[in-house]
Each structure stands twice: as structure tokens, then as C-alpha cells.
Amino acid sequence: MVALHSGVVAATHYLAGSGAGNYHRQIRHDIASQIWRAGLLYRASRWAPGQRLFMGWAGLTPRSLSLAASLTRVPPSAVTRAMGLMS
């Protein structure tokens, strides 16, 4: 979803004639937090104690996996804003 979102935003900015800086500012605004969280989860999952912690936590609370996924998705407001740019 991140790739699709960034592609839509890139195409929209290109067709509108706005510069690369505007595109990068919007993408940073839209997904910086999600990328940071995904990186944190990735780094923790590569660490042996983190792997044990994640597996134990997921076993106790399977819904935590959907929470982790939702925290790394493109926010609905950013998708709506990108769709608005296309019209």
C-alpha cells in the first residue's frame, strides 16, 4: 500500500508540475511515522530476545498482530488526501 500511495502522490505532483520537494514533504508527512514504527518492529524482530518477546506476546494476545499491522499502514486521511489530488 505504501508503494501504491507514493506512486499516486508522485504522479499527481508530476502532472501538477510541482517540484520534487513538495512530493517528498507530502510523503514524509503521510508515512514517516509508519516507516519509523515498521523499522522499530523490524529491528526488534532481528534481535533474539525481541523474537522471543514478540512470539510470546502474539501467543497471548493474537490481536496484537493486527495492531502492529495497523500502526504501519498508510493512514486513511493520507489516502483520502491523495485521492483528492487526483481529481
PDB file of N, CA and C in Angstrom:
ATOM      1  N   MET A   1       0.813  -1.181   0.000  1.00  0.00           N
ATOM      2  CA  MET A   1       0.000   0.000   0.000  1.00  0.00           C
ATOM      3  C   MET A   1       0.870   1.263   0.000  1.00  0.00           C
ATOM      4  N   VAL A   2       2.001   1.195   0.678  1.00  0.00           N
ATOM      5  CA  VAL A   2       2.891   2.359   0.716  1.00  0.00           C
ATOM      6  C   VAL A   2       3.392   2.680  -0.690  1.00  0.00           C
ATOM      7  N   ALA A   3       3.785   1.649  -1.439  1.00  0.00           N
ATOM      8  CA  ALA A   3       4.285   1.876  -2.794  1.00  0.00           C
ATOM      9  C   ALA A   3       3.203   2.460  -3.695  1.00  0.00           C
ATOM     10  N   LEU A   4       2.004   1.939  -3.588  1.00  0.00           N
ATOM     11  CA  LEU A   4       0.898   2.463  -4.395  1.00  0.00           C
ATOM     12  C   LEU A   4       0.603   3.915  -4.021  1.00  0.00           C
ATOM     13  N   HIS A   5       0.571   4.187  -2.738  1.00  0.00           N
ATOM     14  CA  HIS A   5       0.308   5.553  -2.275  1.00  0.00           C
ATOM     15  C   HIS A   5       1.389   6.513  -2.771  1.00  0.00           C
ATOM     16  N   SER A   6       2.647   6.131  -2.621  1.00  0.00           N
ATOM     17  CA  SER A   6       3.714   7.031  -3.057  1.00  0.00           C
ATOM     18  C   SER A   6       3.694   7.204  -4.570  1.00  0.00           C
ATOM     19  N   GLY A   7       3.305   6.170  -5.310  1.00  0.00           N
ATOM     20  CA  GLY A   7       3.192   6.293  -6.755  1.00  0.00           C
ATOM     21  C   GLY A   7       2.103   7.255  -7.178  1.00  0.00           C
ATOM     22  N   VAL A   8       0.956   7.167  -6.513  1.00  0.00           N
ATOM     23  CA  VAL A   8      -0.153   8.090  -6.810  1.00  0.00           C
ATOM     24  C   VAL A   8       0.258   9.519  -6.500  1.00  0.00           C
ATOM     25  N   VAL A   9       0.876   9.712  -5.357  1.00  0.00           N
ATOM     26  CA  VAL A   9       1.298  11.059  -4.962  1.00  0.00           C
ATOM     27  C   VAL A   9       2.375  11.582  -5.920  1.00  0.00           C
ATOM     28  N   ALA A  10       3.310  10.733  -6.312  1.00  0.00           N
ATOM     29  CA  ALA A  10       4.370  11.153  -7.242  1.00  0.00           C
ATOM     30  C   ALA A  10       3.772  11.550  -8.586  1.00  0.00           C
ATOM     31  N   ALA A  11       2.887  10.724  -9.106  1.00  0.00           N
ATOM     32  CA  ALA A  11       2.270  11.029 -10.399  1.00  0.00           C
ATOM     33  C   ALA A  11       1.459  12.309 -10.331  1.00  0.00           C
ATOM     34  N   THR A  12       0.738  12.489  -9.250  1.00  0.00           N
ATOM     35  CA  THR A  12      -0.079  13.688  -9.092  1.00  0.00           C
ATOM     36  C   THR A  12       0.792  14.937  -9.044  1.00  0.00           C
ATOM     37  N   HIS A  13       1.866  14.884  -8.280  1.00  0.00           N
ATOM     38  CA  HIS A  13       2.769  16.041  -8.198  1.00  0.00           C
ATOM     39  C   HIS A  13       3.456  16.297  -9.535  1.00  0.00           C
ATOM     40  N   TYR A  14       3.825  15.231 -10.224  1.00  0.00           N
ATOM     41  CA  TYR A  14       4.473  15.395 -11.528  1.00  0.00           C
ATOM     42  C   TYR A  14       3.515  16.053 -12.526  1.00  0.00           C
ATOM     43  N   LEU A  15       2.293  15.538 -12.583  1.00  0.00           N
ATOM     44  CA  LEU A  15       1.317  16.085 -13.535  1.00  0.00           C
ATOM     45  C   LEU A  15       0.909  17.518 -13.189  1.00  0.00           C
ATOM     46  N   ALA A  16       0.965  17.848 -11.901  1.00  0.00           N
ATOM     47  CA  ALA A  16       0.618  19.207 -11.480  1.00  0.00           C
ATOM     48  C   ALA A  16       1.786  20.166 -11.684  1.00  0.00           C
ATOM     49  N   GLY A  17       2.961  19.626 -11.987  1.00  0.00           N
ATOM     50  CA  GLY A  17       4.129  20.472 -12.195  1.00  0.00           C
ATOM     51  C   GLY A  17       4.782  20.961 -10.920  1.00  0.00           C
ATOM     52  N   SER A  18       4.396  20.381  -9.785  1.00  0.00           N
ATOM     53  CA  SER A  18       5.048  20.786  -8.535  1.00  0.00           C
ATOM     54  C   SER A  18       6.377  20.061  -8.416  1.00  0.00           C
ATOM     55  N   GLY A  19       7.265  20.601  -7.668  1.00  0.00           N
ATOM     56  CA  GLY A  19       8.616  20.069  -7.583  1.00  0.00           C
ATOM     57  C   GLY A  19       8.728  18.825  -6.730  1.00  0.00           C
ATOM     58  N   ALA A  20       9.897  18.208  -6.829  1.00  0.00           N
ATOM     59  CA  ALA A  20      10.182  17.004  -6.051  1.00  0.00           C
ATOM     60  C   ALA A  20      10.127  17.291  -4.547  1.00  0.00           C
ATOM     61  N   GLY A  21      10.502  18.512  -4.172  1.00  0.00           N
ATOM     62  CA  GLY A  21      10.467  18.867  -2.751  1.00  0.00           C
ATOM     63  C   GLY A  21       9.063  18.781  -2.179  1.00  0.00           C
ATOM     64  N   ASN A  22       8.076  19.222  -2.945  1.00  0.00           N
ATOM     65  CA  ASN A  22       6.687  19.140  -2.478  1.00  0.00           C
ATOM     66  C   ASN A  22       6.253  17.689  -2.317  1.00  0.00           C
ATOM     67  N   TYR A  23       6.643  16.859  -3.285  1.00  0.00           N
ATOM     68  CA  TYR A  23       6.327  15.423  -3.201  1.00  0.00           C
ATOM     69  C   TYR A  23       6.953  14.821  -1.942  1.00  0.00           C
ATOM     70  N   HIS A  24       8.238  15.083  -1.732  1.00  0.00           N
ATOM     71  CA  HIS A  24       8.930  14.499  -0.578  1.00  0.00           C
ATOM     72  C   HIS A  24       8.350  15.002   0.733  1.00  0.00           C
ATOM     73  N   ARG A  25       7.972  16.254   0.804  1.00  0.00           N
ATOM     74  CA  ARG A  25       7.350  16.778   2.025  1.00  0.00           C
ATOM     75  C   ARG A  25       6.027  16.067   2.304  1.00  0.00           C
ATOM     76  N   GLN A  26       5.230  15.862   1.256  1.00  0.00           N
ATOM     77  CA  GLN A  26       3.937  15.209   1.464  1.00  0.00           C
ATOM     78  C   GLN A  26       4.122  13.753   1.890  1.00  0.00           C
ATOM     79  N   ILE A  27       5.016  13.037   1.209  1.00  0.00           N
ATOM     80  CA  ILE A  27       5.241  11.634   1.578  1.00  0.00           C
ATOM     81  C   ILE A  27       5.763  11.538   3.005  1.00  0.00           C
ATOM     82  N   ARG A  28       6.694  12.409   3.356  1.00  0.00           N
ATOM     83  CA  ARG A  28       7.228  12.403   4.729  1.00  0.00           C
ATOM     84  C   ARG A  28       6.100  12.650   5.724  1.00  0.00           C
ATOM     85  N   HIS A  29       5.218  13.593   5.406  1.00  0.00           N
ATOM     86  CA  HIS A  29       4.082  13.895   6.278  1.00  0.00           C
ATOM     87  C   HIS A  29       3.137  12.701   6.370  1.00  0.00           C
ATOM     88  N   ASP A  30       2.914  12.041   5.230  1.00  0.00           N
ATOM     89  CA  ASP A  30       1.938  10.956   5.187  1.00  0.00           C
ATOM     90  C   ASP A  30       2.410   9.682   5.878  1.00  0.00           C
ATOM     91  N   ILE A  31       3.685   9.307   5.711  1.00  0.00           N
ATOM     92  CA  ILE A  31       4.081   7.966   6.154  1.00  0.00           C
ATOM     93  C   ILE A  31       5.329   7.891   7.029  1.00  0.00           C
ATOM     94  N   ALA A  32       5.880   8.999   7.442  1.00  0.00           N
ATOM     95  CA  ALA A  32       7.108   8.952   8.252  1.00  0.00           C
ATOM     96  C   ALA A  32       6.918   8.154   9.539  1.00  0.00           C
ATOM     97  N   SER A  33       5.825   8.357  10.221  1.00  0.00           N
ATOM     98  CA  SER A  33       5.592   7.635  11.484  1.00  0.00           C
ATOM     99  C   SER A  33       5.456   6.143  11.255  1.00  0.00           C
ATOM    100  N   GLN A  34       4.758   5.778  10.184  1.00  0.00           N
ATOM    101  CA  GLN A  34       4.551   4.366   9.894  1.00  0.00           C
ATOM    102  C   GLN A  34       5.874   3.678   9.536  1.00  0.00           C
ATOM    103  N   ILE A  35       6.709   4.356   8.763  1.00  0.00           N
ATOM    104  CA  ILE A  35       8.004   3.792   8.395  1.00  0.00           C
ATOM    105  C   ILE A  35       8.884   3.648   9.636  1.00  0.00           C
ATOM    106  N   TRP A  36       8.850   4.630  10.520  1.00  0.00           N
ATOM    107  CA  TRP A  36       9.633   4.560  11.758  1.00  0.00           C
ATOM    108  C   TRP A  36       9.179   3.370  12.601  1.00  0.00           C
ATOM    109  N   ARG A  37       7.853   3.197  12.751  1.00  0.00           N
ATOM    110  CA  ARG A  37       7.338   2.073  13.548  1.00  0.00           C
ATOM    111  C   ARG A  37       7.707   0.728  12.919  1.00  0.00           C
ATOM    112  N   ALA A  38       7.570   0.635  11.600  1.00  0.00           N
ATOM    113  CA  ALA A  38       7.923  -0.613  10.919  1.00  0.00           C
ATOM    114  C   ALA A  38       9.407  -0.933  11.111  1.00  0.00           C
ATOM    115  N   GLY A  39      10.251   0.084  11.038  1.00  0.00           N
ATOM    116  CA  GLY A  39      11.682  -0.118  11.259  1.00  0.00           C
ATOM    117  C   GLY A  39      11.982  -0.580  12.671  1.00  0.00           C
ATOM    118  N   LEU A  40      11.294   0.004  13.626  1.00  0.00           N
ATOM    119  CA  LEU A  40      11.470  -0.392  15.021  1.00  0.00           C
ATOM    120  C   LEU A  40      11.066  -1.854  15.228  1.00  0.00           C
ATOM    121  N   LEU A  41       9.909  -2.224  14.686  1.00  0.00           N
ATOM    122  CA  LEU A  41       9.460  -3.614  14.798  1.00  0.00           C
ATOM    123  C   LEU A  41      10.440  -4.564  14.108  1.00  0.00           C
ATOM    124  N   TYR A  42      10.932  -4.157  12.949  1.00  0.00           N
ATOM    125  CA  TYR A  42      11.895  -4.989  12.222  1.00  0.00           C
ATOM    126  C   TYR A  42      13.176  -5.187  13.039  1.00  0.00           C
ATOM    127  N   ARG A  43      13.721  -4.084  13.548  1.00  0.00           N
ATOM    128  CA  ARG A  43      14.967  -4.185  14.316  1.00  0.00           C
ATOM    129  C   ARG A  43      14.773  -5.047  15.558  1.00  0.00           C
ATOM    130  N   ALA A  44      13.647  -4.889  16.233  1.00  0.00           N
ATOM    131  CA  ALA A  44      13.379  -5.700  17.422  1.00  0.00           C
ATOM    132  C   ALA A  44      13.215  -7.174  17.057  1.00  0.00           C
ATOM    133  N   SER A  45      12.624  -7.440  15.890  1.00  0.00           N
ATOM    134  CA  SER A  45      12.409  -8.834  15.492  1.00  0.00           C
ATOM    135  C   SER A  45      13.697  -9.523  15.053  1.00  0.00           C
ATOM    136  N   ARG A  46      14.726  -8.768  14.752  1.00  0.00           N
ATOM    137  CA  ARG A  46      16.008  -9.340  14.360  1.00  0.00           C
ATOM    138  C   ARG A  46      16.888  -9.664  15.580  1.00  0.00           C
ATOM    139  N   TRP A  47      16.476  -9.237  16.736  1.00  0.00           N
ATOM    140  CA  TRP A  47      17.205  -9.417  17.986  1.00  0.00           C
ATOM    141  C   TRP A  47      16.592 -10.627  18.695  1.00  0.00           C
ATOM    142  N   ALA A  48      17.383 -11.599  19.103  1.00  0.00           N
ATOM    143  CA  ALA A  48      16.863 -12.852  19.668  1.00  0.00           C
ATOM    144  C   ALA A  48      15.880 -12.630  20.825  1.00  0.00           C
ATOM    145  N   PRO A  49      16.206 -11.786  21.823  1.00  0.00           N
ATOM    146  CA  PRO A  49      15.216 -11.565  22.889  1.00  0.00           C
ATOM    147  C   PRO A  49      13.928 -10.919  22.356  1.00  0.00           C
ATOM    148  N   GLY A  50      14.071 -10.058  21.362  1.00  0.00           N
ATOM    149  CA  GLY A  50      12.882  -9.444  20.763  1.00  0.00           C
ATOM    150  C   GLY A  50      12.013 -10.475  20.063  1.00  0.00           C
ATOM    151  N   GLN A  51      12.630 -11.443  19.422  1.00  0.00           N
ATOM    152  CA  GLN A  51      11.875 -12.508  18.754  1.00  0.00           C
ATOM    153  C   GLN A  51      11.064 -13.310  19.767  1.00  0.00           C
ATOM    154  N   ARG A  52      11.713 -13.662  20.871  1.00  0.00           N
ATOM    155  CA  ARG A  52      11.000 -14.409  21.916  1.00  0.00           C
ATOM    156  C   ARG A  52       9.865 -13.580  22.507  1.00  0.00           C
ATOM    157  N   LEU A  53      10.134 -12.307  22.727  1.00  0.00           N
ATOM    158  CA  LEU A  53       9.099 -11.416  23.270  1.00  0.00           C
ATOM    159  C   LEU A  53       7.913 -11.316  22.315  1.00  0.00           C
ATOM    160  N   PHE A  54       8.194 -11.083  21.021  1.00  0.00           N
ATOM    161  CA  PHE A  54       7.113 -10.955  20.041  1.00  0.00           C
ATOM    162  C   PHE A  54       6.290 -12.237  19.928  1.00  0.00           C
ATOM    163  N   MET A  55       6.966 -13.385  19.883  1.00  0.00           N
ATOM    164  CA  MET A  55       6.245 -14.647  19.750  1.00  0.00           C
ATOM    165  C   MET A  55       5.396 -14.923  20.989  1.00  0.00           C
ATOM    166  N   GLY A  56       5.945 -14.639  22.159  1.00  0.00           N
ATOM    167  CA  GLY A  56       5.181 -14.816  23.391  1.00  0.00           C
ATOM    168  C   GLY A  56       3.989 -13.884  23.456  1.00  0.00           C
ATOM    169  N   TRP A  57       4.210 -12.639  23.089  1.00  0.00           N
ATOM    170  CA  TRP A  57       3.136 -11.643  23.107  1.00  0.00           C
ATOM    171  C   TRP A  57       2.048 -12.015  22.107  1.00  0.00           C
ATOM    172  N   ALA A  58       2.448 -12.423  20.908  1.00  0.00           N
ATOM    173  CA  ALA A  58       1.474 -12.807  19.886  1.00  0.00           C
ATOM    174  C   ALA A  58       0.671 -14.034  20.321  1.00  0.00           C
ATOM    175  N   GLY A  59       1.329 -14.957  21.036  1.00  0.00           N
ATOM    176  CA  GLY A  59       0.615 -16.132  21.540  1.00  0.00           C
ATOM    177  C   GLY A  59      -0.408 -15.777  22.599  1.00  0.00           C
ATOM    178  N   LEU A  60      -0.080 -14.793  23.432  1.00  0.00           N
ATOM    179  CA  LEU A  60      -1.004 -14.375  24.489  1.00  0.00           C
ATOM    180  C   LEU A  60      -2.113 -13.476  23.966  1.00  0.00           C
ATOM    181  N   THR A  61      -1.767 -12.620  23.042  1.00  0.00           N
ATOM    182  CA  THR A  61      -2.744 -11.660  22.513  1.00  0.00           C
ATOM    183  C   THR A  61      -2.625 -11.595  20.985  1.00  0.00           C
ATOM    184  N   PRO A  62      -3.261 -12.534  20.292  1.00  0.00           N
ATOM    185  CA  PRO A  62      -3.156 -12.556  18.834  1.00  0.00           C
ATOM    186  C   PRO A  62      -3.598 -11.248  18.159  1.00  0.00           C
ATOM    187  N   ARG A  63      -4.471 -10.507  18.800  1.00  0.00           N
ATOM    188  CA  ARG A  63      -4.914  -9.233  18.216  1.00  0.00           C
ATOM    189  C   ARG A  63      -3.782  -8.208  18.145  1.00  0.00           C
ATOM    190  N   SER A  64      -2.706  -8.450  18.887  1.00  0.00           N
ATOM    191  CA  SER A  64      -1.574  -7.521  18.835  1.00  0.00           C
ATOM    192  C   SER A  64      -0.952  -7.500  17.446  1.00  0.00           C
ATOM    193  N   LEU A  65      -1.082  -8.591  16.687  1.00  0.00           N
ATOM    194  CA  LEU A  65      -0.554  -8.619  15.323  1.00  0.00           C
ATOM    195  C   LEU A  65      -1.316  -7.658  14.426  1.00  0.00           C
ATOM    196  N   SER A  66      -2.639  -7.618  14.579  1.00  0.00           N
ATOM    197  CA  SER A  66      -3.413  -6.665  13.765  1.00  0.00           C
ATOM    198  C   SER A  66      -3.134  -5.232  14.202  1.00  0.00           C
ATOM    199  N   LEU A  67      -2.864  -5.030  15.478  1.00  0.00           N
ATOM    200  CA  LEU A  67      -2.493  -3.695  15.943  1.00  0.00           C
ATOM    201  C   LEU A  67      -1.168  -3.267  15.325  1.00  0.00           C
ATOM    202  N   ALA A  68      -0.188  -4.159  15.319  1.00  0.00           N
ATOM    203  CA  ALA A  68       1.119  -3.843  14.718  1.00  0.00           C
ATOM    204  C   ALA A  68       0.952  -3.516  13.242  1.00  0.00           C
ATOM    205  N   ALA A  69       0.119  -4.289  12.550  1.00  0.00           N
ATOM    206  CA  ALA A  69      -0.113  -4.030  11.121  1.00  0.00           C
ATOM    207  C   ALA A  69      -0.784  -2.679  10.911  1.00  0.00           C
ATOM    208  N   SER A  70      -1.764  -2.365  11.747  1.00  0.00           N
ATOM    209  CA  SER A  70      -2.474  -1.089  11.569  1.00  0.00           C
ATOM    210  C   SER A  70      -1.573   0.113  11.853  1.00  0.00           C
ATOM    211  N   LEU A  71      -0.594  -0.054  12.727  1.00  0.00           N
ATOM    212  CA  LEU A  71       0.312   1.049  13.049  1.00  0.00           C
ATOM    213  C   LEU A  71       1.351   1.309  11.959  1.00  0.00           C
ATOM    214  N   THR A  72       1.441   0.384  11.001  1.00  0.00           N
ATOM    215  CA  THR A  72       2.415   0.556   9.924  1.00  0.00           C
ATOM    216  C   THR A  72       1.751   0.784   8.562  1.00  0.00           C
ATOM    217  N   ARG A  73       0.442   0.977   8.543  1.00  0.00           N
ATOM    218  CA  ARG A  73      -0.281   1.219   7.293  1.00  0.00           C
ATOM    219  C   ARG A  73      -0.343   2.711   6.988  1.00  0.00           C
ATOM    220  N   VAL A  74      -0.565   3.004   5.709  1.00  0.00           N
ATOM    221  CA  VAL A  74      -0.781   4.395   5.303  1.00  0.00           C
ATOM    222  C   VAL A  74      -2.090   4.843   5.950  1.00  0.00           C
ATOM    223  N   PRO A  75      -2.093   5.985   6.638  1.00  0.00           N
ATOM    224  CA  PRO A  75      -3.307   6.440   7.313  1.00  0.00           C
ATOM    225  C   PRO A  75      -4.420   6.740   6.307  1.00  0.00           C
ATOM    226  N   PRO A  76      -5.667   6.425   6.662  1.00  0.00           N
ATOM    227  CA  PRO A  76      -6.792   6.706   5.764  1.00  0.00           C
ATOM    228  C   PRO A  76      -6.864   8.172   5.335  1.00  0.00           C
ATOM    229  N   SER A  77      -6.494   9.079   6.210  1.00  0.00           N
ATOM    230  CA  SER A  77      -6.545  10.504   5.851  1.00  0.00           C
ATOM    231  C   SER A  77      -5.567  10.814   4.722  1.00  0.00           C
ATOM    232  N   ALA A  78      -4.413  10.144   4.702  1.00  0.00           N
ATOM    233  CA  ALA A  78      -3.442  10.363   3.633  1.00  0.00           C
ATOM    234  C   ALA A  78      -3.952   9.800   2.314  1.00  0.00           C
ATOM    235  N   VAL A  79      -4.621   8.652   2.373  1.00  0.00           N
ATOM    236  CA  VAL A  79      -5.199   8.063   1.157  1.00  0.00           C
ATOM    237  C   VAL A  79      -6.286   8.978   0.612  1.00  0.00           C
ATOM    238  N   THR A  80      -7.144   9.482   1.481  1.00  0.00           N
ATOM    239  CA  THR A  80      -8.208  10.398   1.060  1.00  0.00           C
ATOM    240  C   THR A  80      -7.620  11.653   0.437  1.00  0.00           C
ATOM    241  N   ARG A  81      -6.581  12.186   1.055  1.00  0.00           N
ATOM    242  CA  ARG A  81      -5.928  13.396   0.516  1.00  0.00           C
ATOM    243  C   ARG A  81      -5.315  13.120  -0.863  1.00  0.00           C
ATOM    244  N   ALA A  82      -4.686  11.955  -1.021  1.00  0.00           N
ATOM    245  CA  ALA A  82      -4.093  11.592  -2.313  1.00  0.00           C
ATOM    246  C   ALA A  82      -5.177  11.425  -3.377  1.00  0.00           C
ATOM    247  N   MET A  83      -6.289  10.834  -3.006  1.00  0.00           N
ATOM    248  CA  MET A  83      -7.377  10.662  -3.959  1.00  0.00           C
ATOM    249  C   MET A  83      -7.951  12.016  -4.366  1.00  0.00           C
ATOM    250  N   GLY A  84      -8.002  12.941  -3.423  1.00  0.00           N
ATOM    251  CA  GLY A  84      -8.476  14.289  -3.721  1.00  0.00           C
ATOM    252  C   GLY A  84      -7.550  15.021  -4.683  1.00  0.00           C
ATOM    253  N   LEU A  85      -6.262  14.740  -4.605  1.00  0.00           N
ATOM    254  CA  LEU A  85      -5.302  15.366  -5.517  1.00  0.00           C
ATOM    255  C   LEU A  85      -5.500  14.898  -6.954  1.00  0.00           C
ATOM    256  N   MET A  86      -6.012  13.674  -7.097  1.00  0.00           N
ATOM    257  CA  MET A  86      -6.166  13.099  -8.424  1.00  0.00           C
ATOM    258  C   MET A  86      -7.323  13.717  -9.199  1.00  0.00           C
ATOM    259  N   SER A  87      -8.264  14.313  -8.501  1.00  0.00           N
ATOM    260  CA  SER A  87      -9.421  14.868  -9.225  1.00  0.00           C
ATOM    261  C   SER A  87      -9.230  16.311  -9.626  1.00  0.00           C
TER     262      SER A  87
END
